[in-house]
N, C-alpha and C. Protein backbone atom coordinates (compact mmCIF):
# COMPACT_ATOMS: atom_id res chain seq x y z
N MET A 1 0.82 -1.19 0.00
CA MET A 1 0.00 0.00 0.00
C MET A 1 0.87 1.26 0.00
N GLN A 2 1.90 1.26 0.81
CA GLN A 2 2.80 2.42 0.87
C GLN A 2 3.47 2.65 -0.48
N THR A 3 3.83 1.59 -1.20
CA THR A 3 4.47 1.71 -2.50
C THR A 3 3.51 2.35 -3.51
N THR A 4 2.24 2.03 -3.48
CA THR A 4 1.25 2.59 -4.39
C THR A 4 1.08 4.08 -4.16
N VAL A 5 1.04 4.51 -2.91
CA VAL A 5 0.90 5.93 -2.60
C VAL A 5 2.13 6.69 -3.10
N THR A 6 3.29 6.16 -2.92
CA THR A 6 4.52 6.80 -3.37
C THR A 6 4.55 6.90 -4.89
N LYS A 7 4.12 5.84 -5.59
CA LYS A 7 4.08 5.88 -7.04
C LYS A 7 3.07 6.92 -7.53
N LYS A 8 1.92 7.01 -6.87
CA LYS A 8 0.92 8.01 -7.25
C LYS A 8 1.45 9.43 -7.04
N GLN A 9 2.12 9.61 -5.93
CA GLN A 9 2.68 10.94 -5.66
C GLN A 9 3.75 11.27 -6.70
N TRP A 10 4.59 10.30 -7.02
CA TRP A 10 5.64 10.51 -8.01
C TRP A 10 5.04 10.83 -9.38
N LEU A 11 4.03 10.10 -9.78
CA LEU A 11 3.37 10.35 -11.06
C LEU A 11 2.69 11.72 -11.07
N THR A 12 2.13 12.13 -9.95
CA THR A 12 1.50 13.44 -9.86
C THR A 12 2.53 14.55 -10.03
N VAL A 13 3.67 14.39 -9.37
CA VAL A 13 4.75 15.37 -9.49
C VAL A 13 5.25 15.44 -10.93
N LEU A 14 5.49 14.31 -11.55
CA LEU A 14 5.96 14.27 -12.93
C LEU A 14 4.93 14.89 -13.89
N GLY A 15 3.67 14.61 -13.66
CA GLY A 15 2.61 15.20 -14.49
C GLY A 15 2.56 16.71 -14.35
N THR A 16 2.71 17.18 -13.12
CA THR A 16 2.70 18.63 -12.88
C THR A 16 3.89 19.30 -13.56
N VAL A 17 5.05 18.70 -13.45
CA VAL A 17 6.25 19.25 -14.10
C VAL A 17 6.06 19.26 -15.61
N ALA A 18 5.51 18.20 -16.16
CA ALA A 18 5.28 18.13 -17.61
C ALA A 18 4.32 19.22 -18.06
N LEU A 19 3.25 19.45 -17.32
CA LEU A 19 2.29 20.50 -17.67
C LEU A 19 2.90 21.88 -17.59
N LEU A 20 3.67 22.14 -16.54
CA LEU A 20 4.31 23.44 -16.40
C LEU A 20 5.35 23.68 -17.48
N THR A 21 6.07 22.64 -17.86
CA THR A 21 7.05 22.77 -18.92
C THR A 21 6.37 23.01 -20.26
N ALA A 22 5.27 22.37 -20.50
CA ALA A 22 4.56 22.51 -21.77
C ALA A 22 3.98 23.91 -21.95
N CYS A 23 3.54 24.53 -20.87
CA CYS A 23 2.94 25.86 -21.00
C CYS A 23 4.01 26.94 -21.10
N GLY A 24 5.23 26.66 -20.74
CA GLY A 24 6.32 27.62 -20.89
C GLY A 24 6.30 28.77 -19.91
N GLY A 25 5.51 28.73 -18.91
CA GLY A 25 5.48 29.79 -17.92
C GLY A 25 4.53 30.91 -18.25
N GLY A 26 4.35 31.23 -19.50
CA GLY A 26 3.37 32.22 -19.93
C GLY A 26 3.76 33.66 -19.75
N SER A 27 4.24 34.06 -18.60
CA SER A 27 4.47 35.48 -18.34
C SER A 27 5.70 36.02 -19.04
N SER A 28 6.70 35.20 -19.33
CA SER A 28 7.92 35.72 -19.93
C SER A 28 7.69 36.21 -21.35
N SER A 29 6.86 35.55 -22.14
CA SER A 29 6.63 36.00 -23.51
C SER A 29 5.87 37.32 -23.53
N TYR A 30 4.97 37.52 -22.58
CA TYR A 30 4.23 38.78 -22.54
C TYR A 30 5.16 39.94 -22.20
N SER A 31 6.02 39.77 -21.23
CA SER A 31 6.90 40.87 -20.84
C SER A 31 7.93 41.17 -21.93
N ALA A 32 8.34 40.17 -22.68
CA ALA A 32 9.30 40.41 -23.75
C ALA A 32 8.66 41.20 -24.88
N ASP A 33 7.39 40.92 -25.19
CA ASP A 33 6.71 41.60 -26.28
C ASP A 33 6.16 42.96 -25.85
N ALA A 34 6.03 43.20 -24.56
CA ALA A 34 5.42 44.44 -24.09
C ALA A 34 6.23 45.66 -24.48
N GLY A 35 7.54 45.55 -24.62
CA GLY A 35 8.39 46.68 -24.95
C GLY A 35 8.72 46.79 -26.43
N LEU A 36 7.99 46.06 -27.30
CA LEU A 36 8.27 46.07 -28.72
C LEU A 36 7.16 46.77 -29.50
N VAL A 37 7.54 47.37 -30.63
CA VAL A 37 6.55 47.93 -31.53
C VAL A 37 5.74 46.76 -32.08
N LYS A 38 4.41 46.90 -32.12
CA LYS A 38 3.53 45.81 -32.52
C LYS A 38 3.90 45.28 -33.91
N GLY A 39 4.08 43.97 -34.01
CA GLY A 39 4.38 43.32 -35.26
C GLY A 39 5.83 43.42 -35.70
N THR A 40 6.72 43.86 -34.82
CA THR A 40 8.13 44.01 -35.17
C THR A 40 9.02 43.44 -34.08
N ASP A 41 10.33 43.48 -34.33
CA ASP A 41 11.33 43.12 -33.32
C ASP A 41 12.02 44.37 -32.78
N LEU A 42 11.44 45.53 -32.98
CA LEU A 42 12.04 46.80 -32.57
C LEU A 42 11.46 47.28 -31.25
N PRO A 43 12.31 47.87 -30.39
CA PRO A 43 11.81 48.41 -29.13
C PRO A 43 10.99 49.68 -29.38
N LEU A 44 10.09 49.99 -28.46
CA LEU A 44 9.25 51.19 -28.58
C LEU A 44 10.06 52.47 -28.69
N ALA A 45 11.26 52.49 -28.14
CA ALA A 45 12.08 53.70 -28.14
C ALA A 45 12.40 54.20 -29.54
N VAL A 46 12.42 53.32 -30.56
CA VAL A 46 12.77 53.75 -31.91
C VAL A 46 11.68 54.62 -32.54
N GLU A 47 10.47 54.52 -32.02
CA GLU A 47 9.39 55.38 -32.52
C GLU A 47 9.21 56.62 -31.66
N GLN A 48 9.85 56.67 -30.52
CA GLN A 48 9.64 57.77 -29.59
C GLN A 48 10.70 58.86 -29.68
N SER A 49 11.94 58.51 -30.04
CA SER A 49 13.00 59.52 -30.10
C SER A 49 14.12 59.07 -31.03
N THR A 50 14.83 60.05 -31.56
CA THR A 50 15.97 59.72 -32.41
C THR A 50 17.09 59.08 -31.58
N LYS A 51 17.19 59.47 -30.31
CA LYS A 51 18.18 58.84 -29.43
C LYS A 51 17.88 57.34 -29.31
N GLY A 52 16.60 56.98 -29.26
CA GLY A 52 16.22 55.57 -29.21
C GLY A 52 16.63 54.82 -30.46
N VAL A 53 16.51 55.48 -31.62
CA VAL A 53 16.93 54.86 -32.88
C VAL A 53 18.44 54.64 -32.88
N ILE A 54 19.19 55.67 -32.50
CA ILE A 54 20.66 55.58 -32.49
C ILE A 54 21.13 54.52 -31.50
N ASP A 55 20.57 54.52 -30.29
CA ASP A 55 20.96 53.53 -29.28
C ASP A 55 20.67 52.11 -29.76
N PHE A 56 19.50 51.92 -30.38
CA PHE A 56 19.16 50.59 -30.88
C PHE A 56 20.11 50.17 -32.01
N ALA A 57 20.42 51.09 -32.91
CA ALA A 57 21.35 50.78 -34.00
C ALA A 57 22.72 50.39 -33.47
N LYS A 58 23.20 51.13 -32.47
CA LYS A 58 24.51 50.82 -31.88
C LYS A 58 24.50 49.44 -31.22
N SER A 59 23.41 49.13 -30.51
CA SER A 59 23.34 47.82 -29.85
C SER A 59 23.29 46.69 -30.87
N GLN A 60 22.64 46.91 -32.00
CA GLN A 60 22.57 45.88 -33.04
C GLN A 60 23.92 45.68 -33.72
N LEU A 61 24.67 46.76 -33.88
CA LEU A 61 25.99 46.63 -34.50
C LEU A 61 26.93 45.78 -33.66
N THR A 62 26.82 45.91 -32.34
CA THR A 62 27.70 45.12 -31.47
C THR A 62 27.20 43.70 -31.26
N ALA A 63 25.89 43.48 -31.39
CA ALA A 63 25.32 42.16 -31.10
C ALA A 63 25.11 41.29 -32.33
N THR A 64 25.21 41.85 -33.51
CA THR A 64 24.89 41.11 -34.72
C THR A 64 26.09 40.29 -35.20
N SER A 65 25.78 39.11 -35.70
CA SER A 65 26.80 38.26 -36.31
C SER A 65 26.21 37.66 -37.57
N GLU A 66 26.99 36.87 -38.26
CA GLU A 66 26.51 36.26 -39.49
C GLU A 66 25.47 35.17 -39.24
N THR A 67 25.35 34.72 -38.00
CA THR A 67 24.43 33.62 -37.70
C THR A 67 23.13 34.08 -37.04
N THR A 68 22.99 35.37 -36.72
CA THR A 68 21.75 35.84 -36.09
C THR A 68 20.65 35.96 -37.13
N GLU A 69 19.42 35.81 -36.67
CA GLU A 69 18.26 35.93 -37.54
C GLU A 69 18.01 37.41 -37.85
N PRO A 70 17.49 37.73 -39.03
CA PRO A 70 17.18 39.12 -39.34
C PRO A 70 16.03 39.63 -38.47
N LEU A 71 16.03 40.93 -38.21
CA LEU A 71 14.97 41.54 -37.41
C LEU A 71 13.76 41.84 -38.28
N LEU A 72 12.58 41.69 -37.71
CA LEU A 72 11.35 42.05 -38.38
C LEU A 72 11.08 43.52 -38.12
N ILE A 73 11.11 44.33 -39.18
CA ILE A 73 10.92 45.77 -39.03
C ILE A 73 9.45 46.15 -39.25
N GLY A 74 8.77 45.47 -40.14
CA GLY A 74 7.35 45.69 -40.36
C GLY A 74 7.03 47.13 -40.72
N ASP A 75 5.99 47.68 -40.10
CA ASP A 75 5.53 49.04 -40.38
C ASP A 75 5.99 50.04 -39.33
N ALA A 76 7.08 49.76 -38.66
CA ALA A 76 7.57 50.68 -37.63
C ALA A 76 7.92 52.02 -38.26
N LYS A 77 7.61 53.08 -37.56
CA LYS A 77 7.91 54.44 -38.02
C LYS A 77 9.01 54.99 -37.13
N LEU A 78 10.23 55.00 -37.66
CA LEU A 78 11.37 55.45 -36.87
C LEU A 78 11.28 56.95 -36.64
N ALA A 79 11.64 57.37 -35.44
CA ALA A 79 11.61 58.78 -35.08
C ALA A 79 12.67 59.53 -35.86
N VAL A 80 12.34 60.76 -36.28
CA VAL A 80 13.29 61.62 -36.98
C VAL A 80 13.29 63.00 -36.32
N ASP A 81 14.42 63.69 -36.45
CA ASP A 81 14.55 65.05 -35.93
C ASP A 81 15.45 65.82 -36.89
N ASP A 82 14.85 66.68 -37.69
CA ASP A 82 15.61 67.43 -38.69
C ASP A 82 16.52 68.48 -38.07
N MET A 83 16.30 68.83 -36.82
CA MET A 83 17.08 69.87 -36.17
C MET A 83 18.24 69.31 -35.34
N ALA A 84 18.28 68.01 -35.13
CA ALA A 84 19.31 67.40 -34.29
C ALA A 84 20.64 67.34 -35.03
N GLU A 85 21.71 67.34 -34.27
CA GLU A 85 23.06 67.21 -34.82
C GLU A 85 23.27 65.78 -35.28
N PRO A 86 24.07 65.56 -36.32
CA PRO A 86 24.37 64.20 -36.75
C PRO A 86 25.04 63.40 -35.63
N SER A 87 24.82 62.10 -35.66
CA SER A 87 25.38 61.23 -34.62
C SER A 87 26.15 60.09 -35.27
N ASP A 88 27.25 59.70 -34.64
CA ASP A 88 28.00 58.55 -35.13
C ASP A 88 27.28 57.28 -34.71
N VAL A 89 27.16 56.38 -35.64
CA VAL A 89 26.52 55.08 -35.32
C VAL A 89 27.59 54.05 -35.26
C-alpha cells in the first residue's frame, strides 16, 4: 500500500512538471513583447525619439553576427529630428 501511494505521488509530481514545462510559464513572452513595436522586433524607443533609434542601431551593431536571424521591421515608423546634430553610429 505504501508503495502505491509513493508511485501516485511521483506520477502526480511528474505530471505537474510536464504540464508546467509545456505551457512555458506564460508570463515571460508577454513581458518580452510588451516593450516592442507591434508586429516588429524593434523596441518602442525607436518610434519615440531619435536617441532611441541611435541607441538601438549601436546595440545591433555590437550584437549582430553572421548567424543571427534578421529583425522584423514591419511598419515601424522610426523617429526623426531634422534639427538634431548628426550622430555617429
